[in-house]
Amino acid sequence: MKRHFKLAVLLLPFLVIAGFIVSDIYLENKANQTKLFQLKLIEQCNIFHGQCRLKAEEFELNIEDDAGLITINTSFPLDNITLFVANKDKTVTTYPLKMKGNRYYWQQNSLQSSNLVAKKNAIKLRLIAEIKGGRYIAEIDLVTR
């Protein structure tokens, strides 16, 4: 065997391991970059009288107001989710949701019990769901009937 071939055979395992390490670092960095996805309504909904389903690619989110408590469940575990209520007078109120048991279920006291919806002042519900570098956003027209 030639000297260069022997050297290549000896270095091959180290180069393979180094390649795996570098590709793992690259893919992890790429996965953590912020990406923005638009959630779309699957069907017309009224969150105060039933369930509202939103979807973006494989991610699905359900919003439901049940007995004064807004519950959101998702198809993937979330890191964080926040609701925003936009009013006719252009003010926005923020409602950060709390985890309910695990990262698939989130809840917040009902917006219907607040004065915003009782006065029919709220016009839009916006939400931002965060999953490891990805942000899913949605805007829903509120129906309070």
N, C-alpha and C. Protein backbone atom coordinates (compact mmCIF):
# COMPACT_ATOMS: atom_id res chain seq x y z
N MET A 1 0.83 -1.19 0.00
CA MET A 1 0.00 0.00 0.00
C MET A 1 0.87 1.25 0.00
N LYS A 2 0.33 2.25 -0.63
CA LYS A 2 1.07 3.50 -0.67
C LYS A 2 0.84 4.28 0.62
N ARG A 3 1.78 5.12 0.92
CA ARG A 3 1.78 5.91 2.15
C ARG A 3 0.57 6.83 2.23
N HIS A 4 0.15 7.46 1.15
CA HIS A 4 -0.98 8.39 1.15
C HIS A 4 -2.30 7.65 1.40
N PHE A 5 -2.42 6.46 0.85
CA PHE A 5 -3.63 5.67 1.04
C PHE A 5 -3.76 5.24 2.51
N LYS A 6 -2.67 4.83 3.13
CA LYS A 6 -2.67 4.46 4.54
C LYS A 6 -3.08 5.65 5.41
N LEU A 7 -2.54 6.79 5.10
CA LEU A 7 -2.88 8.00 5.86
C LEU A 7 -4.37 8.33 5.70
N ALA A 8 -4.91 8.19 4.51
CA ALA A 8 -6.33 8.46 4.26
C ALA A 8 -7.20 7.48 5.03
N VAL A 9 -6.83 6.21 5.08
CA VAL A 9 -7.60 5.20 5.81
C VAL A 9 -7.56 5.50 7.31
N LEU A 10 -6.43 5.95 7.83
CA LEU A 10 -6.32 6.29 9.25
C LEU A 10 -7.14 7.53 9.61
N LEU A 11 -7.20 8.50 8.73
CA LEU A 11 -7.92 9.75 9.01
C LEU A 11 -9.43 9.65 8.77
N LEU A 12 -9.87 8.67 8.00
CA LEU A 12 -11.28 8.54 7.63
C LEU A 12 -12.24 8.53 8.83
N PRO A 13 -12.02 7.73 9.89
CA PRO A 13 -12.97 7.74 11.01
C PRO A 13 -13.07 9.10 11.69
N PHE A 14 -11.96 9.79 11.81
CA PHE A 14 -11.98 11.11 12.46
C PHE A 14 -12.73 12.14 11.60
N LEU A 15 -12.55 12.06 10.30
CA LEU A 15 -13.26 12.97 9.40
C LEU A 15 -14.76 12.70 9.39
N VAL A 16 -15.16 11.44 9.49
CA VAL A 16 -16.58 11.08 9.53
C VAL A 16 -17.21 11.63 10.81
N ILE A 17 -16.56 11.42 11.94
CA ILE A 17 -17.09 11.92 13.23
C ILE A 17 -17.16 13.44 13.21
N ALA A 18 -16.13 14.10 12.71
CA ALA A 18 -16.13 15.57 12.63
C ALA A 18 -17.26 16.05 11.72
N GLY A 19 -17.52 15.34 10.64
CA GLY A 19 -18.62 15.70 9.73
C GLY A 19 -19.97 15.60 10.42
N PHE A 20 -20.19 14.55 11.21
CA PHE A 20 -21.44 14.41 11.95
C PHE A 20 -21.61 15.54 12.97
N ILE A 21 -20.55 15.89 13.66
CA ILE A 21 -20.61 16.95 14.67
C ILE A 21 -20.94 18.29 14.01
N VAL A 22 -20.26 18.62 12.94
CA VAL A 22 -20.49 19.90 12.26
C VAL A 22 -21.89 19.96 11.66
N SER A 23 -22.37 18.87 11.07
CA SER A 23 -23.72 18.89 10.51
C SER A 23 -24.78 19.01 11.60
N ASP A 24 -24.56 18.39 12.76
CA ASP A 24 -25.50 18.50 13.88
C ASP A 24 -25.56 19.94 14.39
N ILE A 25 -24.42 20.58 14.52
CA ILE A 25 -24.38 21.98 14.96
C ILE A 25 -25.10 22.88 13.95
N TYR A 26 -24.88 22.65 12.69
CA TYR A 26 -25.53 23.44 11.64
C TYR A 26 -27.05 23.27 11.68
N LEU A 27 -27.53 22.03 11.75
CA LEU A 27 -28.97 21.77 11.77
C LEU A 27 -29.63 22.31 13.02
N GLU A 28 -28.97 22.23 14.17
CA GLU A 28 -29.53 22.77 15.41
C GLU A 28 -29.63 24.29 15.33
N ASN A 29 -28.62 24.93 14.77
CA ASN A 29 -28.65 26.38 14.61
C ASN A 29 -29.77 26.80 13.66
N LYS A 30 -29.94 26.06 12.58
CA LYS A 30 -30.99 26.36 11.61
C LYS A 30 -32.38 26.16 12.22
N ALA A 31 -32.54 25.14 13.07
CA ALA A 31 -33.83 24.86 13.70
C ALA A 31 -34.22 25.95 14.69
N ASN A 32 -33.24 26.61 15.32
CA ASN A 32 -33.53 27.63 16.32
C ASN A 32 -33.73 29.03 15.73
N GLN A 33 -33.56 29.19 14.43
CA GLN A 33 -33.79 30.49 13.82
C GLN A 33 -35.29 30.78 13.81
N THR A 34 -35.65 32.04 14.00
CA THR A 34 -37.05 32.42 14.06
C THR A 34 -37.71 32.28 12.69
N LYS A 35 -38.82 31.53 12.68
CA LYS A 35 -39.63 31.37 11.48
C LYS A 35 -41.04 31.83 11.82
N LEU A 36 -41.74 32.37 10.85
CA LEU A 36 -43.08 32.89 11.07
C LEU A 36 -44.06 32.13 10.19
N PHE A 37 -45.14 31.63 10.82
CA PHE A 37 -46.18 30.88 10.11
C PHE A 37 -47.53 31.52 10.38
N GLN A 38 -48.36 31.60 9.37
CA GLN A 38 -49.71 32.16 9.50
C GLN A 38 -50.70 31.03 9.75
N LEU A 39 -51.42 31.09 10.88
CA LEU A 39 -52.48 30.13 11.16
C LEU A 39 -53.73 30.56 10.42
N LYS A 40 -54.41 29.62 9.81
CA LYS A 40 -55.64 29.92 9.07
C LYS A 40 -56.81 29.18 9.70
N LEU A 41 -57.97 29.83 9.67
CA LEU A 41 -59.18 29.19 10.19
C LEU A 41 -59.55 28.00 9.31
N ILE A 42 -59.89 26.89 9.93
CA ILE A 42 -60.34 25.72 9.18
C ILE A 42 -61.79 25.91 8.77
N GLU A 43 -62.57 26.54 9.64
CA GLU A 43 -63.98 26.83 9.36
C GLU A 43 -64.35 28.08 10.15
N GLN A 44 -65.50 28.66 9.85
CA GLN A 44 -65.95 29.81 10.62
C GLN A 44 -66.11 29.41 12.08
N CYS A 45 -65.80 30.33 12.96
CA CYS A 45 -65.88 29.96 14.37
C CYS A 45 -66.35 31.14 15.21
N ASN A 46 -66.86 30.80 16.36
CA ASN A 46 -67.23 31.74 17.40
C ASN A 46 -66.72 31.14 18.69
N ILE A 47 -65.59 31.66 19.20
CA ILE A 47 -64.94 31.01 20.34
C ILE A 47 -65.80 31.04 21.60
N PHE A 48 -66.79 31.91 21.67
CA PHE A 48 -67.62 31.98 22.86
C PHE A 48 -68.80 31.01 22.82
N HIS A 49 -69.06 30.41 21.67
CA HIS A 49 -70.14 29.43 21.54
C HIS A 49 -69.66 28.23 20.74
N GLY A 50 -68.60 27.61 21.20
CA GLY A 50 -68.09 26.44 20.50
C GLY A 50 -66.60 26.50 20.32
N GLN A 51 -66.11 25.69 19.44
CA GLN A 51 -64.69 25.53 19.23
C GLN A 51 -64.22 26.23 17.97
N CYS A 52 -62.99 26.72 18.00
CA CYS A 52 -62.39 27.40 16.86
C CYS A 52 -61.09 26.66 16.52
N ARG A 53 -60.97 26.19 15.28
CA ARG A 53 -59.79 25.43 14.88
C ARG A 53 -58.97 26.22 13.88
N LEU A 54 -57.67 26.27 14.13
CA LEU A 54 -56.72 26.96 13.27
C LEU A 54 -55.65 25.96 12.85
N LYS A 55 -55.07 26.18 11.65
CA LYS A 55 -54.08 25.24 11.14
C LYS A 55 -53.03 25.95 10.29
N ALA A 56 -51.80 25.47 10.41
CA ALA A 56 -50.69 25.89 9.55
C ALA A 56 -49.81 24.66 9.34
N GLU A 57 -49.77 24.18 8.11
CA GLU A 57 -49.05 22.95 7.76
C GLU A 57 -49.53 21.82 8.66
N GLU A 58 -48.64 21.21 9.46
CA GLU A 58 -49.03 20.09 10.32
C GLU A 58 -49.47 20.55 11.71
N PHE A 59 -49.25 21.81 12.04
CA PHE A 59 -49.58 22.33 13.36
C PHE A 59 -51.06 22.71 13.40
N GLU A 60 -51.76 22.26 14.43
CA GLU A 60 -53.17 22.58 14.59
C GLU A 60 -53.41 23.09 16.01
N LEU A 61 -54.31 24.07 16.12
CA LEU A 61 -54.59 24.72 17.39
C LEU A 61 -56.10 24.86 17.54
N ASN A 62 -56.62 24.49 18.71
CA ASN A 62 -58.06 24.60 19.00
C ASN A 62 -58.26 25.58 20.15
N ILE A 63 -59.18 26.53 19.96
CA ILE A 63 -59.52 27.49 21.00
C ILE A 63 -60.96 27.23 21.39
N GLU A 64 -61.20 27.20 22.71
CA GLU A 64 -62.55 26.95 23.20
C GLU A 64 -62.78 27.75 24.48
N ASP A 65 -63.94 28.37 24.58
CA ASP A 65 -64.32 29.07 25.81
C ASP A 65 -65.39 28.22 26.48
N ASP A 66 -65.02 27.62 27.61
CA ASP A 66 -65.93 26.71 28.30
C ASP A 66 -66.13 27.19 29.73
N ALA A 67 -67.33 27.65 30.03
CA ALA A 67 -67.72 28.07 31.38
C ALA A 67 -66.75 29.11 31.95
N GLY A 68 -66.45 30.11 31.16
CA GLY A 68 -65.62 31.21 31.64
C GLY A 68 -64.13 30.99 31.61
N LEU A 69 -63.66 29.97 30.92
CA LEU A 69 -62.24 29.67 30.84
C LEU A 69 -61.87 29.38 29.39
N ILE A 70 -60.93 30.17 28.85
CA ILE A 70 -60.45 29.90 27.49
C ILE A 70 -59.38 28.83 27.57
N THR A 71 -59.57 27.76 26.80
CA THR A 71 -58.62 26.65 26.75
C THR A 71 -58.12 26.51 25.33
N ILE A 72 -56.80 26.38 25.21
CA ILE A 72 -56.18 26.17 23.90
C ILE A 72 -55.40 24.87 23.98
N ASN A 73 -55.67 23.97 23.03
CA ASN A 73 -54.86 22.76 22.93
C ASN A 73 -54.26 22.70 21.54
N THR A 74 -53.08 22.12 21.46
CA THR A 74 -52.31 22.13 20.22
C THR A 74 -51.83 20.73 19.86
N SER A 75 -51.41 20.57 18.62
CA SER A 75 -50.90 19.29 18.16
C SER A 75 -49.41 19.12 18.47
N PHE A 76 -48.71 20.21 18.77
CA PHE A 76 -47.30 20.16 19.17
C PHE A 76 -47.14 20.91 20.47
N PRO A 77 -46.17 20.54 21.31
CA PRO A 77 -45.97 21.25 22.58
C PRO A 77 -45.45 22.66 22.34
N LEU A 78 -46.07 23.63 23.01
CA LEU A 78 -45.69 25.04 22.86
C LEU A 78 -44.71 25.46 23.95
N ASP A 79 -43.90 26.47 23.63
CA ASP A 79 -43.06 27.10 24.64
C ASP A 79 -43.80 28.23 25.31
N ASN A 80 -44.67 28.91 24.56
CA ASN A 80 -45.38 30.07 25.08
C ASN A 80 -46.54 30.40 24.14
N ILE A 81 -47.61 30.98 24.70
CA ILE A 81 -48.71 31.46 23.86
C ILE A 81 -49.32 32.69 24.52
N THR A 82 -49.63 33.68 23.70
CA THR A 82 -50.18 34.94 24.20
C THR A 82 -51.36 35.35 23.33
N LEU A 83 -52.44 35.80 23.98
CA LEU A 83 -53.60 36.34 23.28
C LEU A 83 -53.58 37.86 23.38
N PHE A 84 -54.02 38.51 22.33
CA PHE A 84 -54.15 39.96 22.30
C PHE A 84 -55.57 40.29 21.86
N VAL A 85 -56.20 41.24 22.54
CA VAL A 85 -57.54 41.68 22.15
C VAL A 85 -57.41 43.11 21.66
N ALA A 86 -57.76 43.33 20.39
CA ALA A 86 -57.73 44.67 19.79
C ALA A 86 -59.13 45.26 19.86
N ASN A 87 -59.22 46.50 20.34
CA ASN A 87 -60.51 47.17 20.51
C ASN A 87 -60.77 48.18 19.40
N LYS A 88 -62.01 48.65 19.37
CA LYS A 88 -62.38 49.64 18.37
C LYS A 88 -61.60 50.94 18.55
N ASP A 89 -61.24 51.24 19.79
CA ASP A 89 -60.49 52.48 20.04
C ASP A 89 -58.98 52.28 19.87
N LYS A 90 -58.60 51.21 19.18
CA LYS A 90 -57.21 50.92 18.78
C LYS A 90 -56.29 50.59 19.95
N THR A 91 -56.85 50.22 21.10
CA THR A 91 -56.02 49.75 22.20
C THR A 91 -55.95 48.23 22.15
N VAL A 92 -54.85 47.69 22.63
CA VAL A 92 -54.63 46.25 22.62
C VAL A 92 -54.34 45.80 24.05
N THR A 93 -55.05 44.77 24.49
CA THR A 93 -54.85 44.20 25.81
C THR A 93 -54.22 42.82 25.64
N THR A 94 -53.19 42.55 26.45
CA THR A 94 -52.44 41.31 26.36
C THR A 94 -52.89 40.33 27.44
N TYR A 95 -53.05 39.06 27.05
CA TYR A 95 -53.43 38.00 27.98
C TYR A 95 -52.46 36.82 27.80
N PRO A 96 -51.38 36.75 28.61
CA PRO A 96 -50.51 35.58 28.50
C PRO A 96 -51.22 34.36 29.10
N LEU A 97 -51.17 33.23 28.41
CA LEU A 97 -51.83 32.02 28.90
C LEU A 97 -50.88 31.22 29.77
N LYS A 98 -51.49 30.43 30.66
CA LYS A 98 -50.72 29.59 31.57
C LYS A 98 -50.85 28.13 31.13
N MET A 99 -49.79 27.38 31.35
CA MET A 99 -49.79 25.98 31.00
C MET A 99 -50.75 25.22 31.92
N LYS A 100 -51.49 24.28 31.33
CA LYS A 100 -52.44 23.47 32.10
C LYS A 100 -51.98 22.02 32.04
N GLY A 101 -51.17 21.62 32.98
CA GLY A 101 -50.70 20.23 33.04
C GLY A 101 -49.48 19.95 32.19
N ASN A 102 -49.57 20.17 30.88
CA ASN A 102 -48.43 19.96 30.00
C ASN A 102 -48.41 21.04 28.92
N ARG A 103 -47.43 20.97 28.04
CA ARG A 103 -47.23 22.04 27.05
C ARG A 103 -48.18 21.95 25.86
N TYR A 104 -49.11 21.00 25.87
CA TYR A 104 -50.13 20.89 24.82
C TYR A 104 -51.40 21.66 25.18
N TYR A 105 -51.60 21.95 26.46
CA TYR A 105 -52.83 22.59 26.94
C TYR A 105 -52.50 23.88 27.68
N TRP A 106 -53.20 24.95 27.31
CA TRP A 106 -52.99 26.27 27.89
C TRP A 106 -54.35 26.86 28.24
N GLN A 107 -54.40 27.74 29.26
CA GLN A 107 -55.68 28.32 29.66
C GLN A 107 -55.52 29.73 30.20
N GLN A 108 -56.65 30.45 30.20
CA GLN A 108 -56.72 31.82 30.71
C GLN A 108 -58.16 32.09 31.08
N ASN A 109 -58.36 32.94 32.10
CA ASN A 109 -59.73 33.33 32.42
C ASN A 109 -60.38 33.92 31.20
N SER A 110 -61.67 33.69 31.06
CA SER A 110 -62.39 34.05 29.84
C SER A 110 -62.37 35.54 29.56
N LEU A 111 -62.21 35.87 28.29
CA LEU A 111 -62.27 37.27 27.86
C LEU A 111 -63.71 37.76 27.87
N GLN A 112 -64.67 36.83 27.79
CA GLN A 112 -66.07 37.23 27.77
C GLN A 112 -66.49 37.84 29.10
N SER A 113 -65.86 37.42 30.18
CA SER A 113 -66.22 37.96 31.48
C SER A 113 -65.65 39.37 31.69
N SER A 114 -64.69 39.75 30.86
CA SER A 114 -64.11 41.08 31.00
C SER A 114 -65.02 42.12 30.37
N ASN A 115 -64.79 43.35 30.72
CA ASN A 115 -65.59 44.45 30.18
C ASN A 115 -65.37 44.66 28.69
N LEU A 116 -64.25 44.20 28.17
CA LEU A 116 -63.93 44.42 26.75
C LEU A 116 -64.99 43.81 25.85
N VAL A 117 -65.34 42.57 26.12
CA VAL A 117 -66.29 41.88 25.27
C VAL A 117 -67.72 42.20 25.69
N ALA A 118 -67.94 42.40 26.99
CA ALA A 118 -69.29 42.70 27.47
C ALA A 118 -69.84 43.98 26.84
N LYS A 119 -68.97 44.94 26.59
CA LYS A 119 -69.40 46.20 25.97
C LYS A 119 -69.38 46.12 24.44
N LYS A 120 -69.06 44.95 23.91
CA LYS A 120 -68.93 44.73 22.46
C LYS A 120 -67.93 45.71 21.86
N ASN A 121 -66.88 45.95 22.64
CA ASN A 121 -65.84 46.86 22.22
C ASN A 121 -64.71 46.11 21.50
N ALA A 122 -64.53 44.84 21.81
CA ALA A 122 -63.46 44.06 21.19
C ALA A 122 -63.84 43.68 19.77
N ILE A 123 -62.90 43.80 18.88
CA ILE A 123 -63.19 43.47 17.49
C ILE A 123 -62.30 42.35 16.93
N LYS A 124 -61.09 42.20 17.45
CA LYS A 124 -60.18 41.18 16.92
C LYS A 124 -59.45 40.48 18.07
N LEU A 125 -59.22 39.20 17.86
CA LEU A 125 -58.43 38.40 18.77
C LEU A 125 -57.19 37.97 18.00
N ARG A 126 -56.03 38.29 18.54
CA ARG A 126 -54.77 37.89 17.89
C ARG A 126 -54.04 36.96 18.84
N LEU A 127 -53.30 36.03 18.26
CA LEU A 127 -52.51 35.15 19.12
C LEU A 127 -51.17 34.86 18.49
N ILE A 128 -50.20 34.64 19.37
CA ILE A 128 -48.86 34.25 18.95
C ILE A 128 -48.48 33.02 19.77
N ALA A 129 -48.24 31.91 19.08
CA ALA A 129 -47.80 30.67 19.71
C ALA A 129 -46.34 30.44 19.31
N GLU A 130 -45.50 30.16 20.30
CA GLU A 130 -44.07 29.99 20.05
C GLU A 130 -43.66 28.54 20.29
N ILE A 131 -42.93 28.00 19.30
CA ILE A 131 -42.39 26.65 19.40
C ILE A 131 -40.95 26.69 18.91
N LYS A 132 -40.00 26.60 19.80
CA LYS A 132 -38.58 26.45 19.48
C LYS A 132 -38.14 27.19 18.21
N GLY A 133 -38.23 28.49 18.24
CA GLY A 133 -37.79 29.28 17.10
C GLY A 133 -38.85 29.55 16.06
N GLY A 134 -39.99 28.91 16.14
CA GLY A 134 -41.08 29.15 15.20
C GLY A 134 -42.20 29.91 15.88
N ARG A 135 -42.76 30.87 15.19
CA ARG A 135 -43.88 31.63 15.72
C ARG A 135 -45.08 31.47 14.80
N TYR A 136 -46.17 31.05 15.40
CA TYR A 136 -47.43 30.87 14.68
C TYR A 136 -48.35 32.01 15.09
N ILE A 137 -48.83 32.76 14.10
CA ILE A 137 -49.66 33.92 14.40
C ILE A 137 -51.03 33.75 13.75
N ALA A 138 -52.03 34.39 14.37
CA ALA A 138 -53.39 34.35 13.82
C ALA A 138 -54.13 35.61 14.25
N GLU A 139 -55.11 35.99 13.45
CA GLU A 139 -56.00 37.10 13.77
C GLU A 139 -57.42 36.64 13.47
N ILE A 140 -58.28 36.71 14.49
CA ILE A 140 -59.66 36.22 14.38
C ILE A 140 -60.61 37.37 14.68
N ASP A 141 -61.60 37.55 13.82
CA ASP A 141 -62.65 38.53 14.12
C ASP A 141 -63.53 37.96 15.21
N LEU A 142 -63.76 38.74 16.27
CA LEU A 142 -64.58 38.26 17.38
C LEU A 142 -66.05 38.38 17.05
N VAL A 143 -66.80 37.33 17.35
CA VAL A 143 -68.25 37.31 17.21
C VAL A 143 -68.78 37.09 18.61
N THR A 144 -69.52 38.03 19.15
CA THR A 144 -69.97 37.93 20.54
C THR A 144 -71.43 37.61 20.65
N ARG A 145 -72.08 37.27 19.56
CA ARG A 145 -73.51 36.94 19.62
C ARG A 145 -73.72 35.58 20.21
